[in-house]
Amino acid sequence: MPCVVMETAFTIIFIAGLCEGATVLLREHFYVKDFKNWDDASQHCRAQYTDLSLVLTEDDVERVMNSVPDSGTTSAWIGLKQRTDGQWRWKGDIALDFEKWASGEPGSDSWNDCVYARDGLWHNKGCYETFHFHCFKAYNRELTLVQQKMTWENALVYCRSKYTDLSSLLSNYTAEKVISSTGATTDFVWTGLRFLMGKWFWAYKRELTVVQEAMTWENALVYCRMGSSTKH
């Protein structure tokens, strides 16, 4: 499990949990390898998840692509369709404000009303065609601003004991909710993002051990890799 070493104090923190704050809708995307036409794929997604995937941000594009288990290229339906009046709309009648059309798309053929994604780009095709498909599941989470100064490690322990965790800002939508939140008395807030052993990662749902012992980065790396037991 990741191991972190105590460092300097910061200001205040954002935490995720069941408390007062801005409600955030998160989308987790799933790749389904069954071959279905667009309508049948939509029915499957509504029965097993929430619906066909809504790709409303660049974060959604990346998450949809990452949901495919194999590294190869694949074509899969998403929840975008052209209405009879010619407008492109997402499931739930959501307006098309963000676009990732492939070159030359959308095609002008009137019968190519449904959209599939391939390598992160969109193509329109007849809804009767059969492809794999992407579903999404929606989750509601709340963000709460905690006006207490503490280290990142202590903030992590506090959040996990009082709420759920330090916030993982997994979409632009979530980040905008944080930025637009009011009540902060300092310029900066903690989130669950951490740089460790050459990589950035979100601490959400990952167990961390805080080592309250001063040492160099190199010695801390050796210490953590040895799996020594520590206290929070």
C-alpha atoms as a PDB file:
ATOM      1  CA  MET A   1       0.000   0.000   0.000  1.00  0.00           C
ATOM      2  CA  PRO A   2       1.192   3.591  -0.577  1.00  0.00           C
ATOM      3  CA  CYS A   3       3.278   5.154   2.142  1.00  0.00           C
ATOM      4  CA  VAL A   4       3.549   8.901   2.740  1.00  0.00           C
ATOM      5  CA  VAL A   5       5.904  10.964   4.888  1.00  0.00           C
ATOM      6  CA  MET A   6       4.758  13.962   6.916  1.00  0.00           C
ATOM      7  CA  GLU A   7       5.450  17.346   5.368  1.00  0.00           C
ATOM      8  CA  THR A   8       4.609  21.007   5.976  1.00  0.00           C
ATOM      9  CA  ALA A   9       1.157  22.267   6.949  1.00  0.00           C
ATOM     10  CA  PHE A  10      -1.110  23.867   4.358  1.00  0.00           C
ATOM     11  CA  THR A  11      -4.394  25.685   4.765  1.00  0.00           C
ATOM     12  CA  ILE A  12      -7.875  24.163   4.512  1.00  0.00           C
ATOM     13  CA  ILE A  13      -9.305  21.098   2.851  1.00  0.00           C
ATOM     14  CA  PHE A  14     -12.161  19.876   0.700  1.00  0.00           C
ATOM     15  CA  ILE A  15     -13.650  16.566   1.724  1.00  0.00           C
ATOM     16  CA  ALA A  16     -16.210  14.243   0.186  1.00  0.00           C
ATOM     17  CA  GLY A  17     -19.002  12.868   2.334  1.00  0.00           C
ATOM     18  CA  LEU A  18     -22.631  13.024   3.380  1.00  0.00           C
ATOM     19  CA  CYS A  19     -22.685  16.577   4.653  1.00  0.00           C
ATOM     20  CA  GLU A  20     -23.751  20.016   3.486  1.00  0.00           C
ATOM     21  CA  GLY A  21     -22.150  21.120   0.270  1.00  0.00           C
ATOM     22  CA  ALA A  22     -22.446  21.085  -3.493  1.00  0.00           C
ATOM     23  CA  THR A  23     -23.945  17.917  -4.953  1.00  0.00           C
ATOM     24  CA  VAL A  24     -21.751  16.445  -7.695  1.00  0.00           C
ATOM     25  CA  LEU A  25     -22.799  13.894 -10.309  1.00  0.00           C
ATOM     26  CA  LEU A  26     -19.984  11.527 -11.234  1.00  0.00           C
ATOM     27  CA  ARG A  27     -20.096   9.161 -14.198  1.00  0.00           C
ATOM     28  CA  GLU A  28     -18.313   5.825 -14.326  1.00  0.00           C
ATOM     29  CA  HIS A  29     -18.157   4.267 -17.789  1.00  0.00           C
ATOM     30  CA  PHE A  30     -18.355   0.577 -18.667  1.00  0.00           C
ATOM     31  CA  TYR A  31     -17.548  -1.218 -21.913  1.00  0.00           C
ATOM     32  CA  VAL A  32     -19.959  -3.979 -22.965  1.00  0.00           C
ATOM     33  CA  LYS A  33     -18.626  -6.459 -25.542  1.00  0.00           C
ATOM     34  CA  ASP A  34     -22.053  -7.670 -26.677  1.00  0.00           C
ATOM     35  CA  PHE A  35     -23.099  -6.709 -30.209  1.00  0.00           C
ATOM     36  CA  LYS A  36     -26.381  -4.786 -30.235  1.00  0.00           C
ATOM     37  CA  ASN A  37     -28.076  -2.094 -32.267  1.00  0.00           C
ATOM     38  CA  TRP A  38     -28.329   1.340 -30.660  1.00  0.00           C
ATOM     39  CA  ASP A  39     -31.823   0.900 -29.225  1.00  0.00           C
ATOM     40  CA  ASP A  40     -31.094  -2.542 -27.764  1.00  0.00           C
ATOM     41  CA  ALA A  41     -27.807  -1.254 -26.341  1.00  0.00           C
ATOM     42  CA  SER A  42     -29.692   1.621 -24.728  1.00  0.00           C
ATOM     43  CA  GLN A  43     -32.199  -0.787 -23.206  1.00  0.00           C
ATOM     44  CA  HIS A  44     -29.372  -2.968 -21.844  1.00  0.00           C
ATOM     45  CA  CYS A  45     -27.605   0.037 -20.290  1.00  0.00           C
ATOM     46  CA  ARG A  46     -30.796   1.289 -18.636  1.00  0.00           C
ATOM     47  CA  ALA A  47     -31.430  -2.158 -17.160  1.00  0.00           C
ATOM     48  CA  GLN A  48     -27.891  -2.814 -15.912  1.00  0.00           C
ATOM     49  CA  TYR A  49     -26.421   0.675 -15.394  1.00  0.00           C
ATOM     50  CA  THR A  50     -27.871   4.177 -15.902  1.00  0.00           C
ATOM     51  CA  ASP A  51     -27.870   4.557 -19.697  1.00  0.00           C
ATOM     52  CA  LEU A  52     -25.650   4.702 -22.772  1.00  0.00           C
ATOM     53  CA  SER A  53     -22.557   6.773 -22.001  1.00  0.00           C
ATOM     54  CA  LEU A  54     -22.791  10.552 -21.957  1.00  0.00           C
ATOM     55  CA  VAL A  55     -19.504  12.007 -23.165  1.00  0.00           C
ATOM     56  CA  LEU A  56     -19.829  15.598 -21.992  1.00  0.00           C
ATOM     57  CA  THR A  57     -16.189  16.474 -21.200  1.00  0.00           C
ATOM     58  CA  GLU A  58     -12.620  15.555 -22.134  1.00  0.00           C
ATOM     59  CA  ASP A  59     -12.539  13.576 -18.880  1.00  0.00           C
ATOM     60  CA  ASP A  60     -15.451  11.485 -20.162  1.00  0.00           C
ATOM     61  CA  VAL A  61     -13.588  10.876 -23.432  1.00  0.00           C
ATOM     62  CA  GLU A  62     -10.580   9.539 -21.527  1.00  0.00           C
ATOM     63  CA  ARG A  63     -12.697   7.434 -19.179  1.00  0.00           C
ATOM     64  CA  VAL A  64     -14.680   5.907 -22.028  1.00  0.00           C
ATOM     65  CA  MET A  65     -11.444   4.967 -23.800  1.00  0.00           C
ATOM     66  CA  ASN A  66      -9.954   3.564 -20.593  1.00  0.00           C
ATOM     67  CA  SER A  67     -13.027   1.419 -20.001  1.00  0.00           C
ATOM     68  CA  VAL A  68     -12.062  -0.789 -22.954  1.00  0.00           C
ATOM     69  CA  PRO A  69     -10.086  -3.707 -21.418  1.00  0.00           C
ATOM     70  CA  ASP A  70      -8.005  -4.477 -24.507  1.00  0.00           C
ATOM     71  CA  SER A  71      -5.477  -2.119 -26.039  1.00  0.00           C
ATOM     72  CA  GLY A  72      -6.858  -2.611 -29.556  1.00  0.00           C
ATOM     73  CA  THR A  73      -9.154  -0.203 -31.388  1.00  0.00           C
ATOM     74  CA  THR A  74     -12.883  -0.818 -31.103  1.00  0.00           C
ATOM     75  CA  SER A  75     -16.128   0.823 -32.172  1.00  0.00           C
ATOM     76  CA  ALA A  76     -18.866   1.157 -29.566  1.00  0.00           C
ATOM     77  CA  TRP A  77     -22.159   3.015 -29.305  1.00  0.00           C
ATOM     78  CA  ILE A  78     -22.492   6.056 -27.036  1.00  0.00           C
ATOM     79  CA  GLY A  79     -25.659   7.897 -26.007  1.00  0.00           C
ATOM     80  CA  LEU A  80     -25.741  10.514 -28.790  1.00  0.00           C
ATOM     81  CA  LYS A  81     -28.480  10.533 -31.447  1.00  0.00           C
ATOM     82  CA  GLN A  82     -29.876  12.892 -34.079  1.00  0.00           C
ATOM     83  CA  ARG A  83     -33.482  13.963 -33.624  1.00  0.00           C
ATOM     84  CA  THR A  84     -35.995  14.277 -36.456  1.00  0.00           C
ATOM     85  CA  ASP A  85     -35.406  18.051 -36.476  1.00  0.00           C
ATOM     86  CA  GLY A  86     -31.711  17.477 -37.214  1.00  0.00           C
ATOM     87  CA  GLN A  87     -30.377  18.352 -33.753  1.00  0.00           C
ATOM     88  CA  TRP A  88     -27.894  16.055 -32.034  1.00  0.00           C
ATOM     89  CA  ARG A  89     -28.917  15.265 -28.465  1.00  0.00           C
ATOM     90  CA  TRP A  90     -27.627  13.061 -25.660  1.00  0.00           C
ATOM     91  CA  LYS A  91     -29.850  10.602 -23.853  1.00  0.00           C
ATOM     92  CA  GLY A  92     -32.074  12.542 -21.489  1.00  0.00           C
ATOM     93  CA  ASP A  93     -32.447  15.286 -24.137  1.00  0.00           C
ATOM     94  CA  ILE A  94     -29.133  16.891 -23.125  1.00  0.00           C
ATOM     95  CA  ALA A  95     -27.832  19.492 -25.579  1.00  0.00           C
ATOM     96  CA  LEU A  96     -24.636  18.838 -27.529  1.00  0.00           C
ATOM     97  CA  ASP A  97     -22.236  21.454 -26.111  1.00  0.00           C
ATOM     98  CA  PHE A  98     -19.017  19.403 -26.314  1.00  0.00           C
ATOM     99  CA  GLU A  99     -18.002  17.658 -29.567  1.00  0.00           C
ATOM    100  CA  LYS A 100     -15.360  15.107 -30.597  1.00  0.00           C
ATOM    101  CA  TRP A 101     -16.342  14.339 -34.183  1.00  0.00           C
ATOM    102  CA  ALA A 102     -13.861  12.519 -36.393  1.00  0.00           C
ATOM    103  CA  SER A 103     -12.742  14.252 -39.574  1.00  0.00           C
ATOM    104  CA  GLY A 104     -15.644  14.500 -42.035  1.00  0.00           C
ATOM    105  CA  GLU A 105     -18.254  13.637 -39.392  1.00  0.00           C
ATOM    106  CA  PRO A 106     -21.111  13.829 -38.855  1.00  0.00           C
ATOM    107  CA  GLY A 107     -22.014  12.515 -42.269  1.00  0.00           C
ATOM    108  CA  SER A 108     -25.000  14.007 -44.056  1.00  0.00           C
ATOM    109  CA  ASP A 109     -26.857  10.734 -44.696  1.00  0.00           C
ATOM    110  CA  SER A 110     -30.265  11.114 -43.110  1.00  0.00           C
ATOM    111  CA  TRP A 111     -30.416   7.539 -41.871  1.00  0.00           C
ATOM    112  CA  ASN A 112     -27.125   7.677 -39.933  1.00  0.00           C
ATOM    113  CA  ASP A 113     -28.724   9.026 -36.772  1.00  0.00           C
ATOM    114  CA  CYS A 114     -26.750   7.226 -34.034  1.00  0.00           C
ATOM    115  CA  VAL A 115     -23.188   7.744 -32.848  1.00  0.00           C
ATOM    116  CA  TYR A 116     -20.383   5.353 -31.962  1.00  0.00           C
ATOM    117  CA  ALA A 117     -16.948   6.182 -30.542  1.00  0.00           C
ATOM    118  CA  ARG A 118     -13.666   4.899 -31.931  1.00  0.00           C
ATOM    119  CA  ASP A 119     -10.282   5.966 -30.517  1.00  0.00           C
ATOM    120  CA  GLY A 120     -11.998   8.793 -28.669  1.00  0.00           C
ATOM    121  CA  LEU A 121     -13.601  10.259 -31.810  1.00  0.00           C
ATOM    122  CA  TRP A 122     -17.248  10.115 -32.880  1.00  0.00           C
ATOM    123  CA  HIS A 123     -18.807   8.680 -36.024  1.00  0.00           C
ATOM    124  CA  ASN A 124     -22.474   8.540 -37.013  1.00  0.00           C
ATOM    125  CA  LYS A 125     -24.032   5.350 -38.336  1.00  0.00           C
ATOM    126  CA  GLY A 126     -27.415   3.754 -38.884  1.00  0.00           C
ATOM    127  CA  CYS A 127     -29.026   2.872 -35.549  1.00  0.00           C
ATOM    128  CA  TYR A 128     -29.817  -0.611 -36.864  1.00  0.00           C
ATOM    129  CA  GLU A 129     -26.083  -1.482 -37.101  1.00  0.00           C
ATOM    130  CA  THR A 130     -24.637  -3.643 -34.327  1.00  0.00           C
ATOM    131  CA  PHE A 131     -21.610  -2.606 -32.270  1.00  0.00           C
ATOM    132  CA  HIS A 132     -20.216  -3.036 -28.799  1.00  0.00           C
ATOM    133  CA  PHE A 133     -21.349  -0.186 -26.558  1.00  0.00           C
ATOM    134  CA  HIS A 134     -20.446   2.025 -23.604  1.00  0.00           C
ATOM    135  CA  CYS A 135     -22.744   2.385 -20.588  1.00  0.00           C
ATOM    136  CA  PHE A 136     -22.372   4.732 -17.649  1.00  0.00           C
ATOM    137  CA  LYS A 137     -23.420   4.659 -14.042  1.00  0.00           C
ATOM    138  CA  ALA A 138     -24.135   7.898 -12.187  1.00  0.00           C
ATOM    139  CA  TYR A 139     -23.153   8.558  -8.589  1.00  0.00           C
ATOM    140  CA  ASN A 140     -24.115  11.492  -6.383  1.00  0.00           C
ATOM    141  CA  ARG A 141     -21.456  12.802  -4.027  1.00  0.00           C
ATOM    142  CA  GLU A 142     -21.239  15.937  -1.945  1.00  0.00           C
ATOM    143  CA  LEU A 143     -18.320  18.235  -1.285  1.00  0.00           C
ATOM    144  CA  THR A 144     -17.827  19.986   2.037  1.00  0.00           C
ATOM    145  CA  LEU A 145     -15.369  22.754   2.800  1.00  0.00           C
ATOM    146  CA  VAL A 146     -13.661  22.155   6.147  1.00  0.00           C
ATOM    147  CA  GLN A 147     -12.176  25.344   7.555  1.00  0.00           C
ATOM    148  CA  GLN A 148      -9.377  23.814   9.609  1.00  0.00           C
ATOM    149  CA  LYS A 149      -5.653  24.124   8.927  1.00  0.00           C
ATOM    150  CA  MET A 150      -3.781  20.816   8.923  1.00  0.00           C
ATOM    151  CA  THR A 151      -1.219  18.792   6.983  1.00  0.00           C
ATOM    152  CA  TRP A 152      -2.319  16.769   3.959  1.00  0.00           C
ATOM    153  CA  GLU A 153      -1.828  13.513   5.869  1.00  0.00           C
ATOM    154  CA  ASN A 154      -3.890  14.707   8.839  1.00  0.00           C
ATOM    155  CA  ALA A 155      -6.537  15.989   6.446  1.00  0.00           C
ATOM    156  CA  LEU A 156      -6.702  12.537   4.868  1.00  0.00           C
ATOM    157  CA  VAL A 157      -7.172  10.872   8.272  1.00  0.00           C
ATOM    158  CA  TYR A 158      -9.782  13.466   9.263  1.00  0.00           C
ATOM    159  CA  CYS A 159     -11.792  13.013   6.061  1.00  0.00           C
ATOM    160  CA  ARG A 160     -11.781   9.236   6.301  1.00  0.00           C
ATOM    161  CA  SER A 161     -12.841   9.284   9.937  1.00  0.00           C
ATOM    162  CA  LYS A 162     -15.558  11.938   9.611  1.00  0.00           C
ATOM    163  CA  TYR A 163     -16.765  11.540   6.029  1.00  0.00           C
ATOM    164  CA  THR A 164     -15.577   9.503   3.032  1.00  0.00           C
ATOM    165  CA  ASP A 165     -12.240  10.806   1.778  1.00  0.00           C
ATOM    166  CA  LEU A 166     -10.328  13.783   0.471  1.00  0.00           C
ATOM    167  CA  SER A 167     -11.972  14.939  -2.746  1.00  0.00           C
ATOM    168  CA  SER A 168     -11.023  13.275  -6.009  1.00  0.00           C
ATOM    169  CA  LEU A 169     -11.714  15.848  -8.722  1.00  0.00           C
ATOM    170  CA  LEU A 170     -12.310  13.303 -11.468  1.00  0.00           C
ATOM    171  CA  SER A 171     -14.030  15.600 -13.957  1.00  0.00           C
ATOM    172  CA  ASN A 172     -14.034  19.237 -14.999  1.00  0.00           C
ATOM    173  CA  TYR A 173     -17.598  19.423 -13.725  1.00  0.00           C
ATOM    174  CA  THR A 174     -16.491  18.423 -10.225  1.00  0.00           C
ATOM    175  CA  ALA A 175     -13.560  20.835 -10.315  1.00  0.00           C
ATOM    176  CA  GLU A 176     -15.845  23.681 -11.349  1.00  0.00           C
ATOM    177  CA  LYS A 177     -18.114  22.906  -8.390  1.00  0.00           C
ATOM    178  CA  VAL A 178     -15.120  23.184  -6.072  1.00  0.00           C
ATOM    179  CA  ILE A 179     -13.923  26.434  -7.643  1.00  0.00           C
ATOM    180  CA  SER A 180     -17.390  27.979  -7.446  1.00  0.00           C
ATOM    181  CA  SER A 181     -17.897  26.950  -3.813  1.00  0.00           C
ATOM    182  CA  THR A 182     -17.916  29.786  -1.281  1.00  0.00           C
ATOM    183  CA  GLY A 183     -16.728  30.082   2.293  1.00  0.00           C
ATOM    184  CA  ALA A 184     -12.982  29.515   1.926  1.00  0.00           C
ATOM    185  CA  THR A 185     -10.871  31.946   3.954  1.00  0.00           C
ATOM    186  CA  THR A 186      -7.545  31.089   2.279  1.00  0.00           C
ATOM    187  CA  ASP A 187      -6.324  30.910  -1.305  1.00  0.00           C
ATOM    188  CA  PHE A 188      -5.676  27.150  -1.409  1.00  0.00           C
ATOM    189  CA  VAL A 189      -7.429  23.935  -0.356  1.00  0.00           C
ATOM    190  CA  TRP A 190      -6.288  20.313  -0.103  1.00  0.00           C
ATOM    191  CA  THR A 191      -7.588  17.655  -2.495  1.00  0.00           C
ATOM    192  CA  GLY A 192      -6.882  13.931  -2.656  1.00  0.00           C
ATOM    193  CA  LEU A 193      -4.231  14.255  -5.373  1.00  0.00           C
ATOM    194  CA  ARG A 194      -0.751  13.142  -4.262  1.00  0.00           C
ATOM    195  CA  PHE A 195       2.672  12.880  -5.963  1.00  0.00           C
ATOM    196  CA  LEU A 196       4.477   9.773  -4.785  1.00  0.00           C
ATOM    197  CA  MET A 197       7.409   7.793  -6.176  1.00  0.00           C
ATOM    198  CA  GLY A 198       7.375   9.628  -9.485  1.00  0.00           C
ATOM    199  CA  LYS A 199       3.621   9.408 -10.112  1.00  0.00           C
ATOM    200  CA  TRP A 200       0.474  11.392  -9.356  1.00  0.00           C
ATOM    201  CA  PHE A 201      -2.463   9.452  -7.941  1.00  0.00           C
ATOM    202  CA  TRP A 202      -5.795  10.089  -6.268  1.00  0.00           C
ATOM    203  CA  ALA A 203      -5.942   8.864  -2.699  1.00  0.00           C
ATOM    204  CA  TYR A 204      -9.647   8.039  -2.948  1.00  0.00           C
ATOM    205  CA  LYS A 205     -10.310   4.432  -1.875  1.00  0.00           C
ATOM    206  CA  ARG A 206      -6.580   3.756  -1.470  1.00  0.00           C
ATOM    207  CA  GLU A 207      -5.049   2.939   1.879  1.00  0.00           C
ATOM    208  CA  LEU A 208      -2.218   5.233   2.958  1.00  0.00           C
ATOM    209  CA  THR A 209       0.196   4.893   5.855  1.00  0.00           C
ATOM    210  CA  VAL A 210       1.634   8.122   7.284  1.00  0.00           C
ATOM    211  CA  VAL A 211       5.202   7.846   8.560  1.00  0.00           C
ATOM    212  CA  GLN A 212       5.888  10.488  11.198  1.00  0.00           C
ATOM    213  CA  GLU A 213       9.644  10.275  10.942  1.00  0.00           C
ATOM    214  CA  ALA A 214      11.971  12.733   9.216  1.00  0.00           C
ATOM    215  CA  MET A 215      14.141  11.215   6.463  1.00  0.00           C
ATOM    216  CA  THR A 216      15.361  11.921   2.947  1.00  0.00           C
ATOM    217  CA  TRP A 217      13.157  11.064  -0.042  1.00  0.00           C
ATOM    218  CA  GLU A 218      15.492   8.199  -0.981  1.00  0.00           C
ATOM    219  CA  ASN A 219      15.401   6.708   2.533  1.00  0.00           C
ATOM    220  CA  ALA A 220      11.614   7.141   2.660  1.00  0.00           C
ATOM    221  CA  LEU A 221      11.335   5.238  -0.626  1.00  0.00           C
ATOM    222  CA  VAL A 222      13.411   2.358   0.748  1.00  0.00           C
ATOM    223  CA  TYR A 223      11.447   2.397   4.001  1.00  0.00           C
ATOM    224  CA  CYS A 224       8.073   2.175   2.250  1.00  0.00           C
ATOM    225  CA  ARG A 225       9.207  -0.552  -0.137  1.00  0.00           C
ATOM    226  CA  MET A 226      10.306  -2.653   2.830  1.00  0.00           C
ATOM    227  CA  GLY A 227       6.711  -2.593   4.010  1.00  0.00           C
ATOM    228  CA  SER A 228       7.541  -1.445   7.531  1.00  0.00           C
ATOM    229  CA  SER A 229       4.536  -0.960   9.775  1.00  0.00           C
ATOM    230  CA  THR A 230       3.849   2.622  10.869  1.00  0.00           C
ATOM    231  CA  LYS A 231       1.301   4.611  12.784  1.00  0.00           C
ATOM    232  CA  HIS A 232      -1.037   7.313  11.583  1.00  0.00           C
END
